[in-house]
N, C-alpha and C. Protein backbone atom coordinates (compact mmCIF):
# COMPACT_ATOMS: atom_id res chain seq x y z
N UNK A 1 0.85 -1.17 0.00
CA UNK A 1 0.00 0.00 0.00
C UNK A 1 0.90 1.24 0.00
N UNK A 2 0.62 2.19 -0.89
CA UNK A 2 1.31 3.47 -0.96
C UNK A 2 0.29 4.58 -0.81
N UNK A 3 0.21 5.18 0.37
CA UNK A 3 -0.78 6.22 0.65
C UNK A 3 -0.14 7.59 0.45
N UNK A 4 -0.82 8.46 -0.29
CA UNK A 4 -0.38 9.85 -0.42
C UNK A 4 -1.53 10.75 0.00
N UNK A 5 -1.19 11.97 0.39
CA UNK A 5 -2.20 12.93 0.82
C UNK A 5 -2.26 14.06 -0.20
N UNK A 6 -3.46 14.41 -0.63
CA UNK A 6 -3.66 15.51 -1.57
C UNK A 6 -4.69 16.46 -0.98
N UNK A 7 -4.57 17.73 -1.29
CA UNK A 7 -5.59 18.67 -0.85
C UNK A 7 -5.01 19.97 -0.37
N UNK A 8 -5.87 20.75 0.28
CA UNK A 8 -5.50 22.10 0.71
C UNK A 8 -5.12 22.17 2.17
N UNK A 9 -5.30 21.10 2.91
CA UNK A 9 -5.07 21.12 4.34
C UNK A 9 -6.38 21.06 5.10
N UNK A 10 -7.39 21.80 4.63
CA UNK A 10 -8.72 21.73 5.24
C UNK A 10 -9.48 20.52 4.75
N UNK A 11 -9.41 20.29 3.46
CA UNK A 11 -10.10 19.16 2.83
C UNK A 11 -9.06 18.29 2.14
N UNK A 12 -8.58 17.28 2.81
CA UNK A 12 -7.57 16.41 2.25
C UNK A 12 -8.18 15.11 1.76
N UNK A 13 -7.55 14.54 0.76
CA UNK A 13 -7.95 13.25 0.22
C UNK A 13 -6.75 12.33 0.29
N UNK A 14 -6.94 11.16 0.86
CA UNK A 14 -5.89 10.15 0.90
C UNK A 14 -6.10 9.19 -0.24
N UNK A 15 -5.03 8.88 -0.97
CA UNK A 15 -5.11 7.97 -2.10
C UNK A 15 -4.16 6.80 -1.90
N UNK A 16 -4.62 5.61 -2.24
CA UNK A 16 -3.77 4.42 -2.29
C UNK A 16 -3.28 4.30 -3.72
N UNK A 17 -1.97 4.40 -3.91
CA UNK A 17 -1.39 4.34 -5.25
C UNK A 17 -0.61 3.05 -5.48
N UNK A 18 -0.96 2.00 -4.76
CA UNK A 18 -0.23 0.73 -4.89
C UNK A 18 -0.70 -0.10 -6.07
N UNK A 19 -1.80 0.28 -6.71
CA UNK A 19 -2.31 -0.44 -7.87
C UNK A 19 -2.21 0.46 -9.09
N UNK A 20 -2.61 -0.04 -10.23
CA UNK A 20 -2.55 0.76 -11.46
C UNK A 20 -3.60 1.87 -11.46
N UNK A 21 -4.53 1.81 -10.55
CA UNK A 21 -5.59 2.82 -10.45
C UNK A 21 -5.57 3.44 -9.05
N UNK A 22 -5.46 4.76 -8.96
CA UNK A 22 -5.52 5.43 -7.65
C UNK A 22 -6.88 5.19 -7.02
N UNK A 23 -6.86 4.79 -5.73
CA UNK A 23 -8.11 4.51 -5.03
C UNK A 23 -8.20 5.40 -3.79
N UNK A 24 -9.27 6.21 -3.66
CA UNK A 24 -9.44 7.01 -2.45
C UNK A 24 -9.56 6.11 -1.22
N UNK A 25 -9.01 6.57 -0.12
CA UNK A 25 -9.11 5.85 1.15
C UNK A 25 -10.39 6.32 1.84
N UNK A 26 -11.23 5.37 2.25
CA UNK A 26 -12.49 5.70 2.92
C UNK A 26 -12.27 5.65 4.43
N UNK A 27 -12.50 6.77 5.09
CA UNK A 27 -12.28 6.86 6.53
C UNK A 27 -13.48 6.31 7.29
N UNK A 28 -13.23 5.85 8.50
CA UNK A 28 -14.24 5.19 9.34
C UNK A 28 -15.52 6.02 9.50
N UNK A 29 -15.38 7.32 9.72
CA UNK A 29 -16.56 8.14 9.97
C UNK A 29 -17.43 8.35 8.72
N UNK A 30 -16.93 7.99 7.55
CA UNK A 30 -17.70 8.12 6.31
C UNK A 30 -18.33 6.81 5.85
N UNK A 31 -18.03 5.71 6.52
CA UNK A 31 -18.46 4.40 6.04
C UNK A 31 -19.97 4.21 5.89
N UNK A 32 -20.79 4.51 6.89
CA UNK A 32 -22.23 4.24 6.73
C UNK A 32 -22.83 4.95 5.51
N UNK A 33 -22.55 6.24 5.36
CA UNK A 33 -23.08 6.99 4.23
C UNK A 33 -22.47 6.52 2.91
N UNK A 34 -21.20 6.21 2.93
CA UNK A 34 -20.49 5.74 1.74
C UNK A 34 -21.10 4.45 1.20
N UNK A 35 -21.26 3.45 2.07
CA UNK A 35 -21.82 2.16 1.64
C UNK A 35 -23.25 2.31 1.13
N UNK A 36 -24.09 3.02 1.87
CA UNK A 36 -25.50 3.12 1.46
C UNK A 36 -25.65 3.91 0.17
N UNK A 37 -24.86 4.96 -0.01
CA UNK A 37 -24.94 5.75 -1.24
C UNK A 37 -24.54 4.92 -2.45
N UNK A 38 -23.42 4.23 -2.38
CA UNK A 38 -22.99 3.41 -3.51
C UNK A 38 -23.96 2.27 -3.80
N UNK A 39 -24.51 1.69 -2.77
CA UNK A 39 -25.45 0.59 -2.97
C UNK A 39 -26.72 1.08 -3.67
N UNK A 40 -27.23 2.23 -3.25
CA UNK A 40 -28.44 2.79 -3.88
C UNK A 40 -28.19 3.23 -5.31
N UNK A 41 -27.02 3.78 -5.59
CA UNK A 41 -26.71 4.24 -6.95
C UNK A 41 -26.72 3.10 -7.96
N UNK A 42 -26.20 1.97 -7.55
CA UNK A 42 -26.06 0.87 -8.51
C UNK A 42 -27.28 -0.05 -8.54
N UNK A 43 -28.13 0.01 -7.52
CA UNK A 43 -29.30 -0.88 -7.45
C UNK A 43 -28.89 -2.34 -7.59
N UNK A 44 -27.78 -2.70 -7.02
CA UNK A 44 -27.26 -4.06 -7.19
C UNK A 44 -27.33 -4.84 -5.88
N UNK A 45 -27.01 -6.11 -5.98
CA UNK A 45 -27.00 -6.93 -4.77
C UNK A 45 -25.71 -6.66 -3.98
N UNK A 46 -25.61 -7.26 -2.82
CA UNK A 46 -24.48 -7.02 -1.93
C UNK A 46 -23.16 -7.42 -2.58
N UNK A 47 -23.12 -8.54 -3.26
CA UNK A 47 -21.87 -9.00 -3.88
C UNK A 47 -21.39 -8.02 -4.96
N UNK A 48 -22.28 -7.54 -5.81
CA UNK A 48 -21.91 -6.59 -6.86
C UNK A 48 -21.44 -5.27 -6.26
N UNK A 49 -22.13 -4.80 -5.22
CA UNK A 49 -21.72 -3.57 -4.54
C UNK A 49 -20.34 -3.74 -3.93
N UNK A 50 -20.09 -4.87 -3.28
CA UNK A 50 -18.79 -5.15 -2.67
C UNK A 50 -17.69 -5.14 -3.72
N UNK A 51 -17.90 -5.80 -4.84
CA UNK A 51 -16.89 -5.85 -5.90
C UNK A 51 -16.58 -4.46 -6.44
N UNK A 52 -17.61 -3.64 -6.63
CA UNK A 52 -17.43 -2.28 -7.11
C UNK A 52 -16.60 -1.46 -6.14
N UNK A 53 -16.92 -1.54 -4.85
CA UNK A 53 -16.21 -0.77 -3.84
C UNK A 53 -14.76 -1.21 -3.73
N UNK A 54 -14.50 -2.50 -3.69
CA UNK A 54 -13.14 -3.02 -3.53
C UNK A 54 -12.26 -2.62 -4.71
N UNK A 55 -12.82 -2.60 -5.91
CA UNK A 55 -12.04 -2.22 -7.09
C UNK A 55 -11.65 -0.75 -7.08
N UNK A 56 -12.52 0.10 -6.58
CA UNK A 56 -12.33 1.54 -6.73
C UNK A 56 -11.88 2.30 -5.49
N UNK A 57 -12.00 1.68 -4.32
CA UNK A 57 -11.68 2.37 -3.08
C UNK A 57 -10.81 1.50 -2.20
N UNK A 58 -10.13 2.14 -1.24
CA UNK A 58 -9.29 1.40 -0.31
C UNK A 58 -9.76 1.63 1.11
N UNK A 59 -9.77 0.57 1.87
CA UNK A 59 -10.11 0.65 3.29
C UNK A 59 -9.51 -0.56 3.97
N UNK A 60 -8.74 -0.35 5.01
CA UNK A 60 -8.20 -1.47 5.77
C UNK A 60 -9.35 -2.28 6.31
N UNK A 61 -9.25 -3.56 6.26
CA UNK A 61 -10.27 -4.51 6.73
C UNK A 61 -11.62 -4.32 6.02
N UNK A 62 -11.58 -3.87 4.76
CA UNK A 62 -12.82 -3.60 4.04
C UNK A 62 -13.65 -4.85 3.81
N UNK A 63 -13.03 -5.96 3.48
CA UNK A 63 -13.79 -7.18 3.21
C UNK A 63 -14.68 -7.56 4.38
N UNK A 64 -14.13 -7.53 5.59
CA UNK A 64 -14.92 -7.90 6.77
C UNK A 64 -16.05 -6.91 7.00
N UNK A 65 -15.77 -5.61 6.84
CA UNK A 65 -16.78 -4.59 7.09
C UNK A 65 -17.91 -4.65 6.07
N UNK A 66 -17.59 -4.95 4.82
CA UNK A 66 -18.62 -5.01 3.79
C UNK A 66 -19.56 -6.18 4.00
N UNK A 67 -19.07 -7.25 4.57
CA UNK A 67 -19.89 -8.45 4.73
C UNK A 67 -20.78 -8.38 5.97
N UNK A 68 -20.55 -7.41 6.86
CA UNK A 68 -21.36 -7.28 8.08
C UNK A 68 -22.74 -6.75 7.80
């Protein structure tokens, strides 16, 4: 994992650059809204939502949290 910080200081974005695609890091306090928003946007089942999130975003222990 290669995490970098981007932003102005007030609004920073953490990116995981360890893959060929930069993935934003999802912080703990944003998880409930993040999961529900992505799930509603895609109108998909839990497995499809999980695959979409894992491909595009980074979160430590994400697999366990998504399955809860």
